[in-house]
Amino acid sequence: MAGFLSIPALGELRRLLGQDVPPGHGDEDGVRRQWWAALATLQEDLLTTSASPQGVWLASPLPALYEPALLQRLQGWVWAPPDLSNLLQSSAPQLPGGPAGAAKTDGADALMGLRRLALLKNDGTDPLLIVITPRLQVGLALEGPPEGRRLLVRFDAAVLSSALKLLDRRLQQQSPADARQLRQALQALGSLDNDPGLALRFWPLLAQRLASMAPSVTLQPMLHPRRRHQETATSPEPKDEELALLEALTHEVRTPLATIRTLIRSLLRRSDLPTVVRQRLEQIDSECSEQIDRFGLIFLAAELQRQPGSGQPLAASDLARTDLSQLLHQLEELWQRQLQRRDLKLELTIAAELPPVLSDPSRLATMLGGLMDRFSRSLPSGRLVRLSLQPAGARLKLHLASDEPEAPAGGPSTAAVEGVERVGPVLSWNPATGSLQLSDQATRQLFHRLGGRLTERGGTSLTVFFPVCRT
């Protein structure tokens, strides 16, 4: 028992990678976005060009590596929760190496001896990855408290040498056979020469990937970290315990959905999937992304209710020139796919040569996606959703309507007719469809935060006015 308690926790490895790194100021959604961009940069840009014939990698709590060519030639160890490991092993050969001493599954040959190891309760669930090849050695991890999250990327030999020693201690106590196997694999690599050119290329490539990511890939906070810190430092205790509970529930919903999406995207990297299986997985991926964004908006709306001055728009310094026309064109294909799953169609009309508006493009994309979801969710199948953008004096008018005849101004909305019930200041519930969504008040408040003004007409028409940027 004493030996079990003395096993080094993986949290020690994250702290080791974080030595001499400035404190983080990020939020969970932001660093997750960085993590995925870092994984893509490492696998698709650096490791594929390093020409290293062999290597080792160690990860937790998910495999992290997904490129089939790398999984074929690199030897891996993954610390995963027992339940997740069993699920992965039964559903797909992503983690074919059983626990220490267990026989491998039929898919083991495809991934060159990937080993599964038990994740302990004190290991934490923040992702980490160590990759060692003759020309590239790197350690990646997410670490830090809420609102102080950071992506750690270390190429320096001293830190990585200490990390491997710590992992060797861990394996010696948890699985001596794997400890010997890792030592042999490292010795077989021979002399290690970390190519400085690869490390120098990493950060510019990461920045390019972050800039090119689709705006709806993940949610970002409505409050900027520094501003949020200033506000929460003086904020009173939560006014409503229900808001705190709602925040916790939405986080608990998004976390397993994000895990499922991670596994789906790892499977989609395989080239041997039957067409029908690939199509089903892509549908699941889209649904997970939709729900992650939807519950993320609910979380942000609840959080905003607890902030001082939450009814005020962000300061001009926190907003920027935003090309709303271009943003809508970027989102059009995504919305077409989402609506098609509900047997709905989209018609997008944008006036020519529209000026930019003052808003925040990344956060606005998420809000527009939430608005589209909220508007279309209660529409009967076969309807056409019309989205238009046109000038309206000193503003741009974004108009969203269906081909259902609009109710007269001031008349009862479709939502009201269908019996939508308000659940506190954040949520509305539609018993007819079983749909839980942002309330009108919360939706207006979130758009107001981004410089927009939302009006609703009869339940089949929504309009958002954005101020034109004059500078």
Protein backbone atom coordinates (compact mmCIF):
# COMPACT_ATOMS: atom_id res chain seq x y z
CA MET A 1 0.00 0.00 0.00
CA ALA A 2 2.86 2.37 0.80
CA GLY A 3 4.32 1.72 -2.62
CA PHE A 4 1.00 2.59 -4.28
CA LEU A 5 0.76 5.89 -2.42
CA SER A 6 4.29 6.84 -3.43
CA ILE A 7 3.63 6.52 -7.16
CA PRO A 8 4.41 9.92 -8.74
CA ALA A 9 1.22 11.62 -9.88
CA LEU A 10 1.00 12.97 -13.41
CA GLY A 11 0.29 16.38 -11.91
CA GLU A 12 3.99 16.47 -10.97
CA LEU A 13 4.83 16.11 -14.65
CA ARG A 14 2.59 19.06 -15.57
CA ARG A 15 4.19 21.19 -12.87
CA LEU A 16 7.63 20.18 -14.15
CA LEU A 17 6.70 21.28 -17.67
CA GLY A 18 5.42 24.54 -16.23
CA GLN A 19 8.63 25.50 -14.42
CA ASP A 20 9.89 28.98 -15.37
CA VAL A 21 6.82 29.52 -17.58
CA PRO A 22 4.85 32.73 -16.86
CA PRO A 23 1.46 32.24 -15.17
CA GLY A 24 -1.48 31.68 -17.46
CA HIS A 25 -4.41 34.05 -17.95
CA GLY A 26 -6.59 31.89 -20.20
CA ASP A 27 -9.94 30.21 -19.74
CA GLU A 28 -10.84 26.58 -20.37
CA ASP A 29 -12.32 27.06 -23.83
CA GLY A 30 -9.41 29.18 -24.98
CA VAL A 31 -6.69 26.75 -23.91
CA ARG A 32 -8.59 23.78 -25.36
CA ARG A 33 -8.59 25.59 -28.68
CA GLN A 34 -4.82 26.09 -28.33
CA TRP A 35 -4.38 22.42 -27.40
CA TRP A 36 -6.08 21.17 -30.56
CA ALA A 37 -4.12 23.59 -32.70
CA ALA A 38 -0.89 22.45 -31.03
CA LEU A 39 -1.69 18.77 -31.66
CA ALA A 40 -2.42 19.46 -35.32
CA THR A 41 0.76 21.53 -35.69
CA LEU A 42 2.89 18.85 -34.07
CA GLN A 43 1.48 15.93 -36.06
CA GLU A 44 0.72 17.45 -39.43
CA ASP A 45 3.56 19.96 -39.73
CA LEU A 46 6.51 18.86 -37.57
CA LEU A 47 6.46 15.10 -37.08
CA THR A 48 5.49 14.34 -40.68
CA THR A 49 8.52 16.30 -41.92
CA SER A 50 11.02 15.19 -39.29
CA ALA A 51 11.69 11.91 -41.14
CA SER A 52 12.27 10.09 -37.84
CA PRO A 53 11.68 6.38 -38.49
CA GLN A 54 10.82 5.60 -34.88
CA GLY A 55 10.05 7.15 -31.53
CA VAL A 56 7.96 6.94 -28.37
CA TRP A 57 5.07 8.93 -26.96
CA LEU A 58 3.23 9.01 -23.64
CA ALA A 59 -0.16 10.66 -23.12
CA SER A 60 -3.01 11.17 -20.67
CA PRO A 61 -6.01 10.91 -20.35
CA LEU A 62 -6.66 10.31 -24.09
CA PRO A 63 -4.34 9.13 -26.88
CA ALA A 64 -3.81 12.69 -28.27
CA LEU A 65 -2.02 11.38 -31.37
CA TYR A 66 -4.39 10.58 -34.21
CA GLU A 67 -2.35 10.47 -37.45
CA PRO A 68 -2.31 6.81 -38.64
CA ALA A 69 1.21 7.06 -40.07
CA LEU A 70 2.57 8.21 -36.70
CA LEU A 71 0.68 5.56 -34.76
CA GLN A 72 2.20 2.96 -37.08
CA ARG A 73 5.81 3.91 -36.35
CA LEU A 74 5.79 5.38 -32.85
CA GLN A 75 5.45 3.29 -29.70
CA GLY A 76 2.96 4.68 -27.20
CA TRP A 77 1.73 4.53 -23.61
CA VAL A 78 -1.57 6.05 -22.53
CA TRP A 79 -2.82 6.58 -18.99
CA ALA A 80 -6.61 6.51 -19.25
CA PRO A 81 -9.53 6.14 -16.80
CA PRO A 82 -10.48 2.46 -16.54
CA ASP A 83 -14.04 2.99 -17.77
CA LEU A 84 -12.88 5.02 -20.75
CA SER A 85 -10.20 2.48 -21.59
CA ASN A 86 -12.75 -0.33 -21.59
CA LEU A 87 -15.08 1.69 -23.79
CA LEU A 88 -12.35 2.49 -26.26
CA GLN A 89 -11.12 -1.07 -26.40
CA SER A 90 -14.59 -2.52 -26.93
CA SER A 91 -15.71 0.02 -29.54
CA ALA A 92 -12.56 0.54 -31.63
CA PRO A 93 -8.89 -0.50 -31.55
CA GLN A 94 -7.73 2.94 -30.43
CA LEU A 95 -6.16 1.62 -27.22
CA PRO A 96 -5.35 -1.99 -28.10
CA GLY A 97 -2.69 -2.64 -25.46
CA GLY A 98 -4.42 -3.95 -22.36
CA PRO A 99 -3.39 -3.13 -18.81
CA ALA A 100 -0.03 -4.41 -17.65
CA GLY A 101 0.02 -8.15 -18.00
CA ALA A 102 -3.13 -8.33 -20.14
CA ALA A 103 -3.30 -9.74 -23.63
CA LYS A 104 -3.59 -7.39 -26.57
CA THR A 105 -6.69 -7.17 -28.70
CA ASP A 106 -7.00 -8.04 -32.38
CA GLY A 107 -6.29 -4.44 -33.39
CA ALA A 108 -2.95 -4.25 -31.60
CA ASP A 109 -0.81 -4.86 -34.68
CA ALA A 110 -2.25 -1.75 -36.38
CA LEU A 111 -0.91 0.60 -33.75
CA MET A 112 2.45 -1.03 -32.99
CA GLY A 113 2.06 -2.03 -29.35
CA LEU A 114 0.26 0.93 -27.82
CA ARG A 115 -0.09 0.23 -24.10
CA ARG A 116 -2.92 1.15 -21.75
CA LEU A 117 -2.16 2.09 -18.15
CA ALA A 118 -4.46 2.95 -15.28
CA LEU A 119 -5.02 6.62 -14.50
CA LEU A 120 -5.00 7.16 -10.73
CA LYS A 121 -7.45 9.40 -8.88
CA ASN A 122 -4.79 11.99 -8.00
CA ASP A 123 -3.45 12.21 -11.59
CA GLY A 124 -5.91 14.84 -12.74
CA THR A 125 -7.55 14.94 -16.16
CA ASP A 126 -5.72 17.81 -17.86
CA PRO A 127 -4.24 16.51 -21.13
CA LEU A 128 -0.52 15.95 -21.57
CA LEU A 129 1.68 14.47 -24.25
CA ILE A 130 5.39 13.65 -24.44
CA VAL A 131 6.90 12.77 -27.83
CA ILE A 132 10.49 11.61 -28.26
CA THR A 133 12.05 10.97 -31.69
CA PRO A 134 15.69 11.25 -32.76
CA ARG A 135 15.15 14.75 -34.21
CA LEU A 136 12.22 16.09 -32.19
CA GLN A 137 11.55 15.94 -28.46
CA VAL A 138 8.61 17.91 -27.07
CA GLY A 139 6.28 17.98 -24.10
CA LEU A 140 2.77 19.49 -24.21
CA ALA A 141 0.24 19.94 -21.41
CA LEU A 142 -2.62 22.07 -20.17
CA GLU A 143 -2.25 23.33 -16.63
CA GLY A 144 -3.41 26.00 -14.22
CA PRO A 145 -6.41 27.10 -12.14
CA PRO A 146 -9.65 28.45 -13.64
CA GLU A 147 -9.03 31.80 -15.36
CA GLY A 148 -5.31 31.06 -15.09
CA ARG A 149 -5.12 28.25 -17.63
CA ARG A 150 -2.14 27.90 -19.96
CA LEU A 151 -0.79 25.74 -22.75
CA LEU A 152 2.68 24.41 -21.94
CA VAL A 153 5.03 23.49 -24.80
CA ARG A 154 8.61 22.54 -23.89
CA PHE A 155 11.41 21.61 -26.29
CA ASP A 156 14.36 22.10 -23.91
CA ALA A 157 16.40 18.96 -23.24
CA ALA A 158 16.87 19.47 -19.48
CA VAL A 159 13.14 19.68 -18.74
CA LEU A 160 12.29 16.73 -20.99
CA SER A 161 15.07 14.63 -19.45
CA SER A 162 13.60 15.29 -16.00
CA ALA A 163 10.13 14.46 -17.33
CA LEU A 164 11.32 11.08 -18.64
CA LYS A 165 12.97 10.30 -15.29
CA LEU A 166 9.71 11.05 -13.51
CA LEU A 167 7.78 8.84 -15.93
CA ASP A 168 10.34 6.07 -15.46
CA ARG A 169 9.77 6.23 -11.68
CA ARG A 170 6.03 6.09 -12.29
CA LEU A 171 6.27 3.05 -14.53
CA GLN A 172 8.71 1.21 -12.27
CA GLN A 173 6.13 1.28 -9.50
CA GLN A 174 3.00 0.91 -11.59
CA SER A 175 4.19 -1.51 -14.28
CA PRO A 176 7.86 -2.64 -14.18
CA ALA A 177 7.48 -4.44 -17.50
CA ASP A 178 6.42 -1.22 -19.21
CA ALA A 179 9.29 0.64 -17.51
CA ARG A 180 11.77 -1.81 -19.06
CA GLN A 181 10.04 -1.57 -22.42
CA LEU A 182 10.19 2.24 -22.39
CA ARG A 183 13.89 2.23 -21.48
CA GLN A 184 14.65 -0.20 -24.30
CA ALA A 185 12.67 1.91 -26.77
CA LEU A 186 14.54 5.07 -25.76
CA GLN A 187 17.90 3.34 -25.99
CA ALA A 188 17.03 2.08 -29.47
CA LEU A 189 16.62 5.70 -30.62
CA GLY A 190 20.32 6.30 -30.13
CA SER A 191 21.64 9.83 -29.86
CA LEU A 192 18.92 12.48 -29.65
CA ASP A 193 19.40 15.73 -31.53
CA ASN A 194 16.50 18.12 -31.11
CA ASP A 195 16.37 20.07 -34.36
CA PRO A 196 16.14 23.76 -33.30
CA GLY A 197 14.51 24.60 -36.62
CA LEU A 198 11.48 22.49 -35.75
CA ALA A 199 11.02 24.28 -32.43
CA LEU A 200 11.33 27.68 -34.13
CA ARG A 201 8.70 26.71 -36.71
CA PHE A 202 6.20 25.55 -34.09
CA TRP A 203 4.85 28.87 -32.79
CA PRO A 204 4.27 30.58 -36.16
CA LEU A 205 2.53 27.44 -37.43
CA LEU A 206 0.41 27.29 -34.28
CA ALA A 207 -0.61 30.92 -34.75
CA GLN A 208 -1.62 30.22 -38.35
CA ARG A 209 -3.80 27.30 -37.28
CA LEU A 210 -5.50 29.31 -34.56
CA ALA A 211 -6.22 32.10 -37.03
CA SER A 212 -7.69 29.68 -39.59
CA MET A 213 -9.86 27.67 -37.19
CA ALA A 214 -13.57 27.85 -37.90
CA PRO A 215 -15.13 30.35 -35.49
CA SER A 216 -17.66 27.85 -34.20
CA VAL A 217 -15.12 25.18 -33.26
CA THR A 218 -15.26 26.21 -29.63
CA LEU A 219 -16.67 28.87 -27.37
CA GLN A 220 -14.77 31.79 -25.94
CA PRO A 221 -15.76 33.83 -22.89
CA MET A 222 -17.83 36.97 -23.30
CA LEU A 223 -15.59 38.78 -20.82
CA HIS A 224 -11.93 39.36 -21.54
CA PRO A 225 -9.68 37.74 -18.90
CA ARG A 226 -8.22 40.96 -17.47
CA ARG A 227 -11.57 42.73 -17.42
CA ARG A 228 -13.25 39.71 -15.92
CA HIS A 229 -10.65 39.51 -13.17
CA GLN A 230 -11.24 43.15 -12.30
CA GLU A 231 -14.99 42.69 -12.15
CA THR A 232 -15.06 39.43 -10.21
CA ALA A 233 -12.57 40.74 -7.67
CA THR A 234 -15.17 43.21 -6.40
CA SER A 235 -18.34 41.27 -7.16
CA PRO A 236 -20.60 40.18 -4.32
CA GLU A 237 -21.56 36.61 -3.58
CA PRO A 238 -23.78 35.02 -6.24
CA LYS A 239 -27.28 36.47 -6.18
CA ASP A 240 -28.92 33.19 -7.09
CA GLU A 241 -27.68 29.72 -6.21
CA GLU A 242 -29.61 28.41 -9.20
CA LEU A 243 -27.21 30.28 -11.51
CA ALA A 244 -24.22 28.56 -9.92
CA LEU A 245 -25.95 25.21 -10.29
CA LEU A 246 -26.77 25.97 -13.92
CA GLU A 247 -23.12 26.81 -14.64
CA ALA A 248 -22.03 23.52 -13.07
CA LEU A 249 -24.60 21.50 -15.00
CA THR A 250 -23.71 23.01 -18.36
CA HIS A 251 -20.03 22.32 -17.71
CA GLU A 252 -20.85 18.70 -16.84
CA VAL A 253 -22.82 18.36 -20.08
CA ARG A 254 -20.10 19.86 -22.27
CA THR A 255 -17.25 17.79 -20.79
CA PRO A 256 -18.45 14.32 -21.90
CA LEU A 257 -19.60 15.73 -25.23
CA ALA A 258 -16.11 17.12 -25.81
CA THR A 259 -14.63 13.71 -24.95
CA ILE A 260 -16.99 11.96 -27.39
CA ARG A 261 -16.09 14.47 -30.09
CA THR A 262 -12.39 13.87 -29.43
CA LEU A 263 -12.81 10.14 -29.93
CA ILE A 264 -14.95 10.61 -33.04
CA ARG A 265 -12.35 12.87 -34.67
CA SER A 266 -9.64 10.37 -33.82
CA LEU A 267 -11.65 7.66 -35.59
CA LEU A 268 -12.30 9.88 -38.61
CA ARG A 269 -8.55 10.05 -39.22
CA ARG A 270 -8.62 6.38 -40.20
CA SER A 271 -8.58 5.65 -43.91
CA ASP A 272 -10.27 2.23 -43.70
CA LEU A 273 -13.72 3.36 -42.52
CA PRO A 274 -16.70 2.27 -44.61
CA THR A 275 -18.56 5.19 -46.16
CA VAL A 276 -21.71 4.72 -44.10
CA VAL A 277 -19.69 4.58 -40.87
CA ARG A 278 -17.82 7.77 -41.80
CA GLN A 279 -21.10 9.54 -42.54
CA ARG A 280 -22.57 8.50 -39.19
CA LEU A 281 -19.47 9.61 -37.31
CA GLU A 282 -19.52 12.98 -39.07
CA GLN A 283 -23.16 13.41 -38.05
CA ILE A 284 -22.31 12.61 -34.43
CA ASP A 285 -19.40 15.06 -34.57
CA SER A 286 -21.70 17.82 -35.85
CA GLU A 287 -24.32 17.12 -33.20
CA CYS A 288 -21.69 17.18 -30.44
CA SER A 289 -20.34 20.51 -31.69
CA GLU A 290 -23.85 21.98 -31.83
CA GLN A 291 -24.66 20.92 -28.29
CA ILE A 292 -21.29 22.01 -26.92
CA ASP A 293 -21.86 25.48 -28.38
CA ARG A 294 -25.50 25.59 -27.22
CA PHE A 295 -24.74 24.66 -23.63
CA GLY A 296 -21.73 26.94 -23.73
CA LEU A 297 -24.01 29.86 -24.51
CA ILE A 298 -26.25 28.88 -21.61
CA PHE A 299 -23.18 28.83 -19.36
CA LEU A 300 -22.08 32.27 -20.55
CA ALA A 301 -25.56 33.69 -20.09
CA ALA A 302 -25.69 32.40 -16.51
CA GLU A 303 -22.21 33.73 -15.85
CA LEU A 304 -23.13 37.14 -17.25
CA GLN A 305 -26.10 37.36 -14.89
CA ARG A 306 -23.67 37.22 -11.98
CA GLN A 307 -21.37 39.99 -13.23
CA PRO A 308 -21.64 43.64 -12.13
CA GLY A 309 -22.76 45.84 -15.00
CA SER A 310 -23.82 42.80 -17.02
CA GLY A 311 -26.45 44.81 -18.88
CA GLN A 312 -23.86 47.13 -20.40
CA PRO A 313 -22.10 46.48 -23.73
CA LEU A 314 -18.40 45.77 -23.79
CA ALA A 315 -16.17 48.81 -23.98
CA ALA A 316 -15.17 49.95 -27.46
CA SER A 317 -11.61 48.90 -26.66
CA ASP A 318 -12.82 45.31 -26.26
CA LEU A 319 -14.59 45.32 -29.64
CA ALA A 320 -13.16 45.52 -33.14
CA ARG A 321 -13.99 46.13 -36.79
CA THR A 322 -15.94 43.06 -37.84
CA ASP A 323 -16.75 42.09 -41.41
CA LEU A 324 -20.21 40.70 -40.78
CA SER A 325 -20.74 39.83 -44.47
CA GLN A 326 -17.63 37.65 -44.54
CA LEU A 327 -18.54 36.05 -41.21
CA LEU A 328 -21.96 35.02 -42.52
CA HIS A 329 -20.41 33.52 -45.66
CA GLN A 330 -18.02 31.51 -43.46
CA LEU A 331 -20.89 30.16 -41.38
CA GLU A 332 -23.24 29.45 -44.28
CA GLU A 333 -22.01 25.93 -45.10
CA LEU A 334 -22.11 24.90 -41.43
CA TRP A 335 -25.66 26.20 -41.05
CA GLN A 336 -26.75 24.48 -44.25
CA ARG A 337 -25.63 21.13 -42.83
CA GLN A 338 -27.27 21.76 -39.45
CA LEU A 339 -30.58 22.77 -40.98
CA GLN A 340 -30.52 19.89 -43.45
CA ARG A 341 -30.55 17.42 -40.55
CA ARG A 342 -33.89 18.97 -39.53
CA ASP A 343 -35.20 18.98 -43.08
CA LEU A 344 -34.89 22.77 -43.30
CA LYS A 345 -33.29 24.93 -45.99
CA LEU A 346 -31.33 28.18 -45.76
CA GLU A 347 -31.47 31.15 -48.09
CA LEU A 348 -28.75 33.76 -47.48
CA THR A 349 -29.01 37.25 -49.00
CA ILE A 350 -26.29 39.85 -48.36
CA ALA A 351 -26.26 43.34 -49.84
CA ALA A 352 -23.12 44.39 -51.71
CA GLU A 353 -20.30 46.52 -50.28
CA LEU A 354 -21.50 46.67 -46.69
CA PRO A 355 -19.32 48.49 -44.16
CA PRO A 356 -17.86 46.67 -41.14
CA VAL A 357 -19.60 46.74 -37.76
CA LEU A 358 -18.19 47.18 -34.28
CA SER A 359 -18.29 43.84 -32.48
CA ASP A 360 -16.13 40.79 -31.72
CA PRO A 361 -15.98 38.34 -34.65
CA SER A 362 -15.09 35.17 -32.71
CA ARG A 363 -17.71 35.68 -30.02
CA LEU A 364 -20.24 37.00 -32.50
CA ALA A 365 -19.93 33.84 -34.60
CA THR A 366 -20.89 31.73 -31.61
CA MET A 367 -23.82 34.00 -30.78
CA LEU A 368 -25.10 33.92 -34.36
CA GLY A 369 -24.87 30.13 -34.32
CA GLY A 370 -26.88 30.08 -31.12
CA LEU A 371 -29.45 32.40 -32.63
CA MET A 372 -29.81 30.19 -35.71
CA ASP A 373 -30.22 27.13 -33.51
CA ARG A 374 -32.75 28.87 -31.27
CA PHE A 375 -34.77 30.17 -34.22
CA SER A 376 -34.82 26.95 -36.26
CA ARG A 377 -35.29 24.42 -33.49
CA SER A 378 -39.06 24.92 -33.25
CA LEU A 379 -39.73 25.20 -37.01
CA PRO A 380 -41.67 22.39 -38.71
CA SER A 381 -39.75 20.33 -41.26
CA GLY A 382 -39.77 21.53 -44.84
CA ARG A 383 -39.56 25.22 -43.97
CA LEU A 384 -37.19 27.72 -45.58
CA VAL A 385 -35.06 29.88 -43.28
CA ARG A 386 -34.29 33.27 -44.82
CA LEU A 387 -31.29 35.21 -43.54
CA SER A 388 -30.54 38.66 -44.93
CA LEU A 389 -28.07 41.45 -44.18
CA GLN A 390 -28.68 44.95 -45.46
CA PRO A 391 -27.97 48.58 -44.50
CA ALA A 392 -30.40 50.41 -42.20
CA GLY A 393 -29.19 53.98 -41.69
CA ALA A 394 -26.24 54.03 -39.31
CA ARG A 395 -26.67 50.31 -38.66
CA LEU A 396 -26.66 46.98 -40.44
CA LYS A 397 -29.84 44.95 -40.20
CA LEU A 398 -29.52 41.18 -39.82
CA HIS A 399 -32.95 39.66 -40.42
CA LEU A 400 -33.87 36.04 -39.77
CA ALA A 401 -37.30 34.72 -40.84
CA SER A 402 -39.07 31.59 -41.98
CA ASP A 403 -41.52 31.19 -44.82
CA GLU A 404 -44.35 30.96 -42.28
CA PRO A 405 -46.54 34.09 -42.44
CA GLU A 406 -45.42 36.55 -39.77
CA ALA A 407 -47.74 37.43 -36.91
CA PRO A 408 -48.66 41.12 -36.67
CA ALA A 409 -46.53 43.39 -34.50
CA GLY A 410 -47.52 43.01 -30.88
CA GLY A 411 -49.44 39.81 -31.63
CA PRO A 412 -48.87 36.49 -29.92
CA SER A 413 -45.69 34.80 -31.03
CA THR A 414 -45.41 31.24 -32.22
CA ALA A 415 -43.35 30.57 -29.12
CA ALA A 416 -46.14 31.85 -26.93
CA VAL A 417 -48.74 29.81 -28.79
CA GLU A 418 -46.67 26.68 -28.32
CA GLY A 419 -46.47 27.32 -24.59
CA VAL A 420 -42.83 28.18 -24.10
CA GLU A 421 -42.18 28.58 -20.39
CA ARG A 422 -39.53 30.79 -18.87
CA VAL A 423 -37.21 29.03 -16.40
CA GLY A 424 -35.48 31.81 -14.51
CA PRO A 425 -33.60 34.67 -16.18
CA VAL A 426 -31.54 32.44 -18.48
CA LEU A 427 -33.60 29.55 -19.84
CA SER A 428 -36.85 28.88 -21.66
CA TRP A 429 -38.49 25.48 -21.95
CA ASN A 430 -40.74 24.31 -24.78
CA PRO A 431 -42.76 21.29 -23.57
CA ALA A 432 -44.07 20.64 -27.10
CA THR A 433 -40.58 20.03 -28.54
CA GLY A 434 -38.62 19.20 -25.37
CA SER A 435 -36.24 22.02 -26.27
CA LEU A 436 -34.28 23.89 -23.62
CA GLN A 437 -32.92 27.18 -24.91
CA LEU A 438 -31.81 30.66 -23.95
CA SER A 439 -34.59 32.95 -22.84
CA ASP A 440 -35.43 36.06 -24.85
CA GLN A 441 -33.93 38.20 -22.08
CA ALA A 442 -30.65 36.28 -22.00
CA THR A 443 -30.34 36.30 -25.80
CA ARG A 444 -30.91 40.06 -25.97
CA GLN A 445 -28.41 40.64 -23.20
CA LEU A 446 -25.69 38.60 -24.88
CA PHE A 447 -26.16 40.42 -28.19
CA HIS A 448 -26.22 43.76 -26.39
CA ARG A 449 -22.89 42.80 -24.84
CA LEU A 450 -21.49 42.54 -28.37
CA GLY A 451 -22.91 45.83 -29.60
CA GLY A 452 -26.09 44.44 -31.18
CA ARG A 453 -29.77 45.09 -30.51
CA LEU A 454 -32.16 42.14 -30.91
CA THR A 455 -35.86 42.46 -31.64
CA GLU A 456 -38.38 39.67 -32.19
CA ARG A 457 -41.59 39.82 -34.18
CA GLY A 458 -44.27 37.21 -33.87
CA GLY A 459 -41.97 34.26 -33.19
CA THR A 460 -41.15 33.76 -36.89
CA SER A 461 -38.88 36.76 -37.36
CA LEU A 462 -35.76 37.97 -35.57
CA THR A 463 -33.77 41.12 -36.29
CA VAL A 464 -30.41 42.21 -34.91
CA PHE A 465 -29.10 45.75 -35.55
CA PHE A 466 -25.35 46.36 -35.40
CA PRO A 467 -23.72 49.81 -35.34
CA VAL A 468 -21.59 50.57 -38.38
CA CYS A 469 -17.91 51.08 -37.58
CA ARG A 470 -17.03 54.64 -38.63
CA THR A 471 -13.28 54.49 -37.98
